Each structure stands twice: as structure tokens, then as C-alpha cells.
PDB file of all heavy atoms in Angstrom:
ATOM      1  N   PHE A   1      93.413  19.873 -11.971  1.00  0.00           N
ATOM      2  CA  PHE A   1      92.722  20.897 -12.715  1.00  0.00           C
ATOM      3  C   PHE A   1      91.189  20.768 -12.778  1.00  0.00           C
ATOM      4  O   PHE A   1      90.456  21.744 -12.632  1.00  0.00           O
ATOM      5  CB  PHE A   1      93.244  20.983 -14.183  1.00  0.00           C
ATOM      6  CG  PHE A   1      92.657  21.996 -15.099  1.00  0.00           C
ATOM      7  CD1 PHE A   1      92.756  23.278 -14.850  1.00  0.00           C
ATOM      8  CD2 PHE A   1      91.814  21.604 -16.224  1.00  0.00           C
ATOM      9  CE1 PHE A   1      92.166  24.256 -15.636  1.00  0.00           C
ATOM     10  CE2 PHE A   1      91.245  22.597 -17.011  1.00  0.00           C
ATOM     11  CZ  PHE A   1      91.394  23.893 -16.734  1.00  0.00           C
ATOM     12  N   SER A   2      90.729  19.591 -12.941  1.00  0.00           N
ATOM     13  CA  SER A   2      89.238  19.257 -12.909  1.00  0.00           C
ATOM     14  C   SER A   2      88.636  19.562 -11.622  1.00  0.00           C
ATOM     15  O   SER A   2      87.370  19.612 -11.596  1.00  0.00           O
ATOM     16  CB  SER A   2      89.005  17.854 -13.425  1.00  0.00           C
ATOM     17  OG  SER A   2      89.586  16.938 -12.483  1.00  0.00           O
ATOM     18  N   SER A   3      89.364  19.650 -10.576  1.00  0.00           N
ATOM     19  CA  SER A   3      88.766  19.921  -9.241  1.00  0.00           C
ATOM     20  C   SER A   3      88.863  21.409  -8.880  1.00  0.00           C
ATOM     21  O   SER A   3      88.557  21.744  -7.709  1.00  0.00           O
ATOM     22  CB  SER A   3      89.534  19.110  -8.137  1.00  0.00           C
ATOM     23  OG  SER A   3      89.345  17.726  -8.428  1.00  0.00           O
ATOM     24  N   ARG A   4      89.242  22.244  -9.767  1.00  0.00           N
ATOM     25  CA  ARG A   4      89.471  23.730  -9.549  1.00  0.00           C
ATOM     26  C   ARG A   4      88.611  24.586 -10.335  1.00  0.00           C
ATOM     27  O   ARG A   4      88.428  24.383 -11.602  1.00  0.00           O
ATOM     28  CB  ARG A   4      90.903  24.006  -9.839  1.00  0.00           C
ATOM     29  CG  ARG A   4      91.965  23.406  -8.964  1.00  0.00           C
ATOM     30  CD  ARG A   4      93.387  23.590  -9.540  1.00  0.00           C
ATOM     31  NE  ARG A   4      94.387  23.207  -8.596  1.00  0.00           N
ATOM     32  CZ  ARG A   4      95.029  24.050  -7.759  1.00  0.00           C
ATOM     33  NH1 ARG A   4      94.685  25.343  -7.693  1.00  0.00           N
ATOM     34  NH2 ARG A   4      95.935  23.474  -6.985  1.00  0.00           N
ATOM     35  N   VAL A   5      88.043  25.618  -9.665  1.00  0.00           N
ATOM     36  CA  VAL A   5      87.379  26.632 -10.413  1.00  0.00           C
ATOM     37  C   VAL A   5      88.530  27.321 -11.276  1.00  0.00           C
ATOM     38  O   VAL A   5      89.580  27.584 -10.801  1.00  0.00           O
ATOM     39  CB  VAL A   5      86.771  27.683  -9.479  1.00  0.00           C
ATOM     40  CG1 VAL A   5      86.366  28.991 -10.214  1.00  0.00           C
ATOM     41  CG2 VAL A   5      85.623  27.051  -8.737  1.00  0.00           C
ATOM     42  N   MET A   6      88.175  27.716 -12.540  1.00  0.00           N
ATOM     43  CA  MET A   6      88.977  28.386 -13.419  1.00  0.00           C
ATOM     44  C   MET A   6      88.446  29.780 -13.754  1.00  0.00           C
ATOM     45  O   MET A   6      87.224  29.864 -13.965  1.00  0.00           O
ATOM     46  CB  MET A   6      89.218  27.632 -14.697  1.00  0.00           C
ATOM     47  CG  MET A   6      90.275  28.300 -15.626  1.00  0.00           C
ATOM     48  SD  MET A   6      90.279  27.627 -17.263  1.00  0.00           S
ATOM     49  CE  MET A   6      88.699  28.393 -17.922  1.00  0.00           C
ATOM     50  N   GLY A   7      89.211  30.720 -13.699  1.00  0.00           N
ATOM     51  CA  GLY A   7      88.745  32.095 -13.921  1.00  0.00           C
ATOM     52  C   GLY A   7      89.561  32.832 -15.014  1.00  0.00           C
ATOM     53  O   GLY A   7      90.719  32.413 -15.244  1.00  0.00           O
ATOM     54  N   TRP A   8      89.030  33.838 -15.607  1.00  0.00           N
ATOM     55  CA  TRP A   8      89.687  34.726 -16.576  1.00  0.00           C
ATOM     56  C   TRP A   8      89.635  36.072 -15.970  1.00  0.00           C
ATOM     57  O   TRP A   8      88.545  36.592 -15.517  1.00  0.00           O
ATOM     58  CB  TRP A   8      89.051  34.654 -17.966  1.00  0.00           C
ATOM     59  CG  TRP A   8      89.447  33.431 -18.746  1.00  0.00           C
ATOM     60  CD1 TRP A   8      88.676  32.298 -18.811  1.00  0.00           C
ATOM     61  CD2 TRP A   8      90.641  33.190 -19.486  1.00  0.00           C
ATOM     62  NE1 TRP A   8      89.339  31.386 -19.645  1.00  0.00           N
ATOM     63  CE2 TRP A   8      90.544  31.909 -20.105  1.00  0.00           C
ATOM     64  CE3 TRP A   8      91.728  33.975 -19.784  1.00  0.00           C
ATOM     65  CZ2 TRP A   8      91.446  31.352 -20.919  1.00  0.00           C
ATOM     66  CZ3 TRP A   8      92.693  33.441 -20.589  1.00  0.00           C
ATOM     67  CH2 TRP A   8      92.605  32.181 -21.147  1.00  0.00           C
ATOM     68  N   PHE A   9      90.691  36.800 -16.019  1.00  0.00           N
ATOM     69  CA  PHE A   9      90.828  38.186 -15.563  1.00  0.00           C
ATOM     70  C   PHE A   9      91.491  38.965 -16.687  1.00  0.00           C
ATOM     71  O   PHE A   9      92.097  38.433 -17.557  1.00  0.00           O
ATOM     72  CB  PHE A   9      91.621  38.317 -14.299  1.00  0.00           C
ATOM     73  CG  PHE A   9      91.029  37.648 -13.084  1.00  0.00           C
ATOM     74  CD1 PHE A   9      91.061  36.251 -12.938  1.00  0.00           C
ATOM     75  CD2 PHE A   9      90.398  38.375 -12.185  1.00  0.00           C
ATOM     76  CE1 PHE A   9      90.415  35.663 -11.841  1.00  0.00           C
ATOM     77  CE2 PHE A   9      89.814  37.805 -11.067  1.00  0.00           C
ATOM     78  CZ  PHE A   9      89.820  36.398 -10.943  1.00  0.00           C
ATOM     79  N   ARG A  10      91.432  40.303 -16.610  1.00  0.00           N
ATOM     80  CA  ARG A  10      92.173  41.174 -17.569  1.00  0.00           C
ATOM     81  C   ARG A  10      92.591  42.392 -16.854  1.00  0.00           C
ATOM     82  O   ARG A  10      92.010  42.862 -15.889  1.00  0.00           O
ATOM     83  CB  ARG A  10      91.261  41.456 -18.776  1.00  0.00           C
ATOM     84  CG  ARG A  10      90.014  42.331 -18.446  1.00  0.00           C
ATOM     85  CD  ARG A  10      89.132  42.481 -19.689  1.00  0.00           C
ATOM     86  NE  ARG A  10      88.005  43.319 -19.433  1.00  0.00           N
ATOM     87  CZ  ARG A  10      87.008  43.490 -20.273  1.00  0.00           C
ATOM     88  NH1 ARG A  10      87.030  42.912 -21.488  1.00  0.00           N
ATOM     89  NH2 ARG A  10      85.999  44.288 -19.992  1.00  0.00           N
ATOM     90  N   GLN A  11      93.616  42.986 -17.472  1.00  0.00           N
ATOM     91  CA  GLN A  11      94.191  44.192 -16.872  1.00  0.00           C
ATOM     92  C   GLN A  11      94.676  45.112 -18.009  1.00  0.00           C
ATOM     93  O   GLN A  11      95.525  44.772 -18.803  1.00  0.00           O
ATOM     94  CB  GLN A  11      95.285  43.941 -15.948  1.00  0.00           C
ATOM     95  CG  GLN A  11      95.882  45.108 -15.196  1.00  0.00           C
ATOM     96  CD  GLN A  11      96.803  44.799 -14.045  1.00  0.00           C
ATOM     97  OE1 GLN A  11      97.381  43.708 -14.077  1.00  0.00           O
ATOM     98  NE2 GLN A  11      96.890  45.668 -13.029  1.00  0.00           N
ATOM     99  N   ALA A  12      94.110  46.295 -18.085  1.00  0.00           N
ATOM    100  CA  ALA A  12      94.484  47.305 -19.086  1.00  0.00           C
ATOM    101  C   ALA A  12      95.548  48.200 -18.434  1.00  0.00           C
ATOM    102  O   ALA A  12      95.545  48.335 -17.176  1.00  0.00           O
ATOM    103  CB  ALA A  12      93.267  48.100 -19.534  1.00  0.00           C
ATOM    104  N   PRO A  13      96.427  48.877 -19.233  1.00  0.00           N
ATOM    105  CA  PRO A  13      97.427  49.778 -18.670  1.00  0.00           C
ATOM    106  C   PRO A  13      96.757  50.863 -17.706  1.00  0.00           C
ATOM    107  O   PRO A  13      95.761  51.501 -18.067  1.00  0.00           O
ATOM    108  CB  PRO A  13      97.962  50.388 -19.874  1.00  0.00           C
ATOM    109  CG  PRO A  13      97.760  49.413 -20.973  1.00  0.00           C
ATOM    110  CD  PRO A  13      96.436  48.797 -20.702  1.00  0.00           C
ATOM    111  N   GLY A  14      97.310  50.980 -16.554  1.00  0.00           N
ATOM    112  CA  GLY A  14      96.806  52.067 -15.638  1.00  0.00           C
ATOM    113  C   GLY A  14      95.525  51.600 -14.956  1.00  0.00           C
ATOM    114  O   GLY A  14      95.013  52.436 -14.144  1.00  0.00           O
ATOM    115  N   LYS A  15      95.041  50.428 -15.183  1.00  0.00           N
ATOM    116  CA  LYS A  15      93.793  49.919 -14.588  1.00  0.00           C
ATOM    117  C   LYS A  15      94.054  48.780 -13.621  1.00  0.00           C
ATOM    118  O   LYS A  15      95.022  48.113 -13.704  1.00  0.00           O
ATOM    119  CB  LYS A  15      92.767  49.559 -15.645  1.00  0.00           C
ATOM    120  CG  LYS A  15      92.429  50.614 -16.703  1.00  0.00           C
ATOM    121  CD  LYS A  15      91.722  51.758 -16.074  1.00  0.00           C
ATOM    122  CE  LYS A  15      91.288  52.756 -17.107  1.00  0.00           C
ATOM    123  NZ  LYS A  15      90.450  53.877 -16.556  1.00  0.00           N
ATOM    124  N   GLU A  16      93.104  48.591 -12.733  1.00  0.00           N
ATOM    125  CA  GLU A  16      93.160  47.450 -11.826  1.00  0.00           C
ATOM    126  C   GLU A  16      92.766  46.153 -12.586  1.00  0.00           C
ATOM    127  O   GLU A  16      92.033  46.163 -13.589  1.00  0.00           O
ATOM    128  CB  GLU A  16      92.177  47.619 -10.675  1.00  0.00           C
ATOM    129  CG  GLU A  16      92.515  48.783  -9.764  1.00  0.00           C
ATOM    130  CD  GLU A  16      91.554  48.855  -8.526  1.00  0.00           C
ATOM    131  OE1 GLU A  16      90.572  48.107  -8.532  1.00  0.00           O
ATOM    132  OE2 GLU A  16      91.841  49.665  -7.644  1.00  0.00           O
ATOM    133  N   ARG A  17      93.371  45.057 -12.171  1.00  0.00           N
ATOM    134  CA  ARG A  17      92.922  43.770 -12.705  1.00  0.00           C
ATOM    135  C   ARG A  17      91.508  43.483 -12.389  1.00  0.00           C
ATOM    136  O   ARG A  17      91.006  43.726 -11.229  1.00  0.00           O
ATOM    137  CB  ARG A  17      93.827  42.692 -12.130  1.00  0.00           C
ATOM    138  CG  ARG A  17      93.574  41.319 -12.778  1.00  0.00           C
ATOM    139  CD  ARG A  17      94.536  40.226 -12.306  1.00  0.00           C
ATOM    140  NE  ARG A  17      95.932  40.682 -12.755  1.00  0.00           N
ATOM    141  CZ  ARG A  17      96.999  39.822 -12.508  1.00  0.00           C
ATOM    142  NH1 ARG A  17      96.884  38.622 -11.929  1.00  0.00           N
ATOM    143  NH2 ARG A  17      98.122  40.262 -12.935  1.00  0.00           N
ATOM    144  N   GLU A  18      90.735  43.084 -13.405  1.00  0.00           N
ATOM    145  CA  GLU A  18      89.337  42.901 -13.186  1.00  0.00           C
ATOM    146  C   GLU A  18      88.858  41.448 -13.605  1.00  0.00           C
ATOM    147  O   GLU A  18      89.452  40.863 -14.479  1.00  0.00           O
ATOM    148  CB  GLU A  18      88.491  43.928 -14.020  1.00  0.00           C
ATOM    149  CG  GLU A  18      88.576  43.802 -15.514  1.00  0.00           C
ATOM    150  CD  GLU A  18      87.588  44.787 -16.238  1.00  0.00           C
ATOM    151  OE1 GLU A  18      86.603  45.192 -15.690  1.00  0.00           O
ATOM    152  OE2 GLU A  18      87.908  45.072 -17.392  1.00  0.00           O
ATOM    153  N   PHE A  19      87.889  40.997 -12.896  1.00  0.00           N
ATOM    154  CA  PHE A  19      87.290  39.696 -13.155  1.00  0.00           C
ATOM    155  C   PHE A  19      86.520  39.715 -14.415  1.00  0.00           C
ATOM    156  O   PHE A  19      85.779  40.676 -14.710  1.00  0.00           O
ATOM    157  CB  PHE A  19      86.383  39.380 -11.999  1.00  0.00           C
ATOM    158  CG  PHE A  19      85.485  38.166 -12.297  1.00  0.00           C
ATOM    159  CD1 PHE A  19      85.936  36.880 -12.159  1.00  0.00           C
ATOM    160  CD2 PHE A  19      84.179  38.318 -12.682  1.00  0.00           C
ATOM    161  CE1 PHE A  19      85.113  35.782 -12.425  1.00  0.00           C
ATOM    162  CE2 PHE A  19      83.307  37.356 -12.954  1.00  0.00           C
ATOM    163  CZ  PHE A  19      83.823  36.048 -12.774  1.00  0.00           C
ATOM    164  N   VAL A  20      86.646  38.639 -15.220  1.00  0.00           N
ATOM    165  CA  VAL A  20      85.958  38.530 -16.519  1.00  0.00           C
ATOM    166  C   VAL A  20      84.935  37.410 -16.438  1.00  0.00           C
ATOM    167  O   VAL A  20      83.765  37.606 -16.782  1.00  0.00           O
ATOM    168  CB  VAL A  20      86.865  38.250 -17.667  1.00  0.00           C
ATOM    169  CG1 VAL A  20      86.154  38.090 -18.965  1.00  0.00           C
ATOM    170  CG2 VAL A  20      87.887  39.468 -17.831  1.00  0.00           C
ATOM    171  N   ALA A  21      85.384  36.233 -16.055  1.00  0.00           N
ATOM    172  CA  ALA A  21      84.429  35.015 -15.978  1.00  0.00           C
ATOM    173  C   ALA A  21      85.037  33.981 -15.284  1.00  0.00           C
ATOM    174  O   ALA A  21      86.272  33.908 -14.961  1.00  0.00           O
ATOM    175  CB  ALA A  21      84.176  34.589 -17.443  1.00  0.00           C
ATOM    176  N   ARG A  22      84.235  33.033 -14.758  1.00  0.00           N
ATOM    177  CA  ARG A  22      84.680  31.836 -14.047  1.00  0.00           C
ATOM    178  C   ARG A  22      83.841  30.653 -14.403  1.00  0.00           C
ATOM    179  O   ARG A  22      82.703  30.845 -14.795  1.00  0.00           O
ATOM    180  CB  ARG A  22      84.732  32.005 -12.552  1.00  0.00           C
ATOM    181  CG  ARG A  22      83.406  32.042 -11.842  1.00  0.00           C
ATOM    182  CD  ARG A  22      83.583  32.036 -10.399  1.00  0.00           C
ATOM    183  NE  ARG A  22      82.223  31.985  -9.649  1.00  0.00           N
ATOM    184  CZ  ARG A  22      81.645  33.069  -9.171  1.00  0.00           C
ATOM    185  NH1 ARG A  22      82.241  34.258  -9.252  1.00  0.00           N
ATOM    186  NH2 ARG A  22      80.407  32.977  -8.573  1.00  0.00           N
ATOM    187  N   ILE A  23      84.385  29.472 -14.179  1.00  0.00           N
ATOM    188  CA  ILE A  23      83.687  28.240 -14.467  1.00  0.00           C
ATOM    189  C   ILE A  23      84.140  27.166 -13.423  1.00  0.00           C
ATOM    190  O   ILE A  23      85.213  27.157 -12.961  1.00  0.00           O
ATOM    191  CB  ILE A  23      84.058  27.702 -15.940  1.00  0.00           C
ATOM    192  CG1 ILE A  23      83.226  26.473 -16.261  1.00  0.00           C
ATOM    193  CG2 ILE A  23      85.498  27.354 -16.048  1.00  0.00           C
ATOM    194  CD1 ILE A  23      83.257  26.063 -17.773  1.00  0.00           C
ATOM    195  N   SER A  24      83.128  26.464 -12.893  1.00  0.00           N
ATOM    196  CA  SER A  24      83.376  25.473 -11.940  1.00  0.00           C
ATOM    197  C   SER A  24      84.186  24.389 -12.408  1.00  0.00           C
ATOM    198  O   SER A  24      84.348  24.122 -13.651  1.00  0.00           O
ATOM    199  CB  SER A  24      82.039  24.918 -11.382  1.00  0.00           C
ATOM    200  OG  SER A  24      81.330  24.273 -12.342  1.00  0.00           O
ATOM    201  N   GLY A  25      84.803  23.582 -11.466  1.00  0.00           N
ATOM    202  CA  GLY A  25      85.646  22.549 -11.906  1.00  0.00           C
ATOM    203  C   GLY A  25      85.083  21.495 -12.856  1.00  0.00           C
ATOM    204  O   GLY A  25      85.698  21.047 -13.703  1.00  0.00           O
ATOM    205  N   SER A  26      83.768  21.195 -12.586  1.00  0.00           N
ATOM    206  CA  SER A  26      83.070  20.233 -13.504  1.00  0.00           C
ATOM    207  C   SER A  26      82.639  20.867 -14.822  1.00  0.00           C
ATOM    208  O   SER A  26      82.196  20.119 -15.757  1.00  0.00           O
ATOM    209  CB  SER A  26      81.911  19.670 -12.686  1.00  0.00           C
ATOM    210  OG  SER A  26      80.896  20.721 -12.541  1.00  0.00           O
ATOM    211  N   GLY A  27      82.597  22.177 -14.831  1.00  0.00           N
ATOM    212  CA  GLY A  27      82.073  22.910 -16.008  1.00  0.00           C
ATOM    213  C   GLY A  27      80.608  23.105 -15.904  1.00  0.00           C
ATOM    214  O   GLY A  27      79.992  23.613 -16.879  1.00  0.00           O
ATOM    215  N   GLY A  28      79.993  22.772 -14.848  1.00  0.00           N
ATOM    216  CA  GLY A  28      78.506  22.791 -14.651  1.00  0.00           C
ATOM    217  C   GLY A  28      77.979  24.173 -14.443  1.00  0.00           C
ATOM    218  O   GLY A  28      76.683  24.374 -14.603  1.00  0.00           O
ATOM    219  N   SER A  29      78.713  25.164 -14.034  1.00  0.00           N
ATOM    220  CA  SER A  29      78.250  26.476 -13.722  1.00  0.00           C
ATOM    221  C   SER A  29      79.240  27.507 -14.239  1.00  0.00           C
ATOM    222  O   SER A  29      80.478  27.325 -14.174  1.00  0.00           O
ATOM    223  CB  SER A  29      77.902  26.656 -12.294  1.00  0.00           C
ATOM    224  OG  SER A  29      79.018  26.562 -11.453  1.00  0.00           O
ATOM    225  N   THR A  30      78.756  28.599 -14.694  1.00  0.00           N
ATOM    226  CA  THR A  30      79.583  29.763 -15.191  1.00  0.00           C
ATOM    227  C   THR A  30      79.008  31.044 -14.643  1.00  0.00           C
ATOM    228  O   THR A  30      77.871  31.147 -14.261  1.00  0.00           O
ATOM    229  CB  THR A  30      79.604  29.810 -16.695  1.00  0.00           C
ATOM    230  OG1 THR A  30      78.264  29.950 -17.203  1.00  0.00           O
ATOM    231  CG2 THR A  30      80.233  28.525 -17.274  1.00  0.00           C
ATOM    232  N   TYR A  31      79.819  32.034 -14.630  1.00  0.00           N
ATOM    233  CA  TYR A  31      79.490  33.415 -14.156  1.00  0.00           C
ATOM    234  C   TYR A  31      80.325  34.421 -14.944  1.00  0.00           C
ATOM    235  O   TYR A  31      81.560  34.186 -15.053  1.00  0.00           O
ATOM    236  CB  TYR A  31      79.780  33.476 -12.654  1.00  0.00           C
ATOM    237  CG  TYR A  31      79.300  34.772 -12.011  1.00  0.00           C
ATOM    238  CD1 TYR A  31      77.992  35.015 -11.777  1.00  0.00           C
ATOM    239  CD2 TYR A  31      80.230  35.795 -11.675  1.00  0.00           C
ATOM    240  CE1 TYR A  31      77.524  36.235 -11.203  1.00  0.00           C
ATOM    241  CE2 TYR A  31      79.832  36.964 -11.104  1.00  0.00           C
ATOM    242  CZ  TYR A  31      78.553  37.169 -10.897  1.00  0.00           C
ATOM    243  OH  TYR A  31      78.095  38.320 -10.362  1.00  0.00           O
ATOM    244  N   TYR A  32      79.773  35.479 -15.306  1.00  0.00           N
ATOM    245  CA  TYR A  32      80.347  36.465 -16.072  1.00  0.00           C
ATOM    246  C   TYR A  32      80.226  37.870 -15.617  1.00  0.00           C
ATOM    247  O   TYR A  32      79.226  38.253 -14.889  1.00  0.00           O
ATOM    248  CB  TYR A  32      79.778  36.532 -17.549  1.00  0.00           C
ATOM    249  CG  TYR A  32      79.954  35.249 -18.265  1.00  0.00           C
ATOM    250  CD1 TYR A  32      78.969  34.337 -18.176  1.00  0.00           C
ATOM    251  CD2 TYR A  32      80.969  35.023 -19.068  1.00  0.00           C
ATOM    252  CE1 TYR A  32      79.032  33.125 -18.920  1.00  0.00           C
ATOM    253  CE2 TYR A  32      81.105  33.875 -19.836  1.00  0.00           C
ATOM    254  CZ  TYR A  32      80.128  32.861 -19.722  1.00  0.00           C
ATOM    255  OH  TYR A  32      80.268  31.713 -20.445  1.00  0.00           O
ATOM    256  N   ALA A  33      81.211  38.703 -15.818  1.00  0.00           N
ATOM    257  CA  ALA A  33      81.118  40.165 -15.468  1.00  0.00           C
ATOM    258  C   ALA A  33      80.114  40.747 -16.437  1.00  0.00           C
ATOM    259  O   ALA A  33      79.928  40.264 -17.576  1.00  0.00           O
ATOM    260  CB  ALA A  33      82.472  40.810 -15.705  1.00  0.00           C
ATOM    261  N   ASP A  34      79.368  41.735 -15.947  1.00  0.00           N
ATOM    262  CA  ASP A  34      78.355  42.327 -16.724  1.00  0.00           C
ATOM    263  C   ASP A  34      78.901  42.885 -18.081  1.00  0.00           C
ATOM    264  O   ASP A  34      78.205  42.917 -19.103  1.00  0.00           O
ATOM    265  CB  ASP A  34      77.608  43.458 -16.041  1.00  0.00           C
ATOM    266  CG  ASP A  34      76.715  42.934 -14.935  1.00  0.00           C
ATOM    267  OD1 ASP A  34      76.376  41.702 -14.949  1.00  0.00           O
ATOM    268  OD2 ASP A  34      76.360  43.704 -13.999  1.00  0.00           O
ATOM    269  N   SER A  35      80.155  43.380 -18.083  1.00  0.00           N
ATOM    270  CA  SER A  35      80.743  44.014 -19.292  1.00  0.00           C
ATOM    271  C   SER A  35      80.950  43.109 -20.439  1.00  0.00           C
ATOM    272  O   SER A  35      81.103  43.440 -21.551  1.00  0.00           O
ATOM    273  CB  SER A  35      82.057  44.636 -18.770  1.00  0.00           C
ATOM    274  OG  SER A  35      82.918  43.663 -18.326  1.00  0.00           O
ATOM    275  N   VAL A  36      81.015  41.737 -20.107  1.00  0.00           N
ATOM    276  CA  VAL A  36      81.323  40.793 -21.147  1.00  0.00           C
ATOM    277  C   VAL A  36      80.088  39.790 -21.390  1.00  0.00           C
ATOM    278  O   VAL A  36      80.167  39.039 -22.321  1.00  0.00           O
ATOM    279  CB  VAL A  36      82.569  39.984 -20.914  1.00  0.00           C
ATOM    280  CG1 VAL A  36      83.712  40.914 -20.660  1.00  0.00           C
ATOM    281  CG2 VAL A  36      82.349  39.039 -19.747  1.00  0.00           C
ATOM    282  N   LYS A  37      79.112  39.812 -20.550  1.00  0.00           N
ATOM    283  CA  LYS A  37      78.060  38.943 -20.608  1.00  0.00           C
ATOM    284  C   LYS A  37      77.276  39.031 -22.029  1.00  0.00           C
ATOM    285  O   LYS A  37      77.008  40.104 -22.495  1.00  0.00           O
ATOM    286  CB  LYS A  37      76.974  39.169 -19.501  1.00  0.00           C
ATOM    287  CG  LYS A  37      75.895  38.103 -19.394  1.00  0.00           C
ATOM    288  CD  LYS A  37      75.085  38.318 -18.137  1.00  0.00           C
ATOM    289  CE  LYS A  37      75.927  38.229 -16.885  1.00  0.00           C
ATOM    290  NZ  LYS A  37      75.117  38.390 -15.641  1.00  0.00           N
TER     291      LYS A  37
END
């Protein structure tokens, strides 16, 4: 687990799955979708 990027996604009914956020394995970097930043 600690060697893997972890991401969060979401999917609303009738919508495509969309990226929400991700974090590097070490936790040293993060990235967010503009909609949730």
C-alpha cells in the first residue's frame, strides 16, 4: 500500500466516473480535481 498512488473517484447516476483526488505512496504530493479543490 505504501508504494502505491491512491486515488478517489466518484460516479453519479447516469454520469461517467470522474477523478476526485490522488496522493503519492509516500504522501508527499497530492492533486485535486478543480471541482473539489
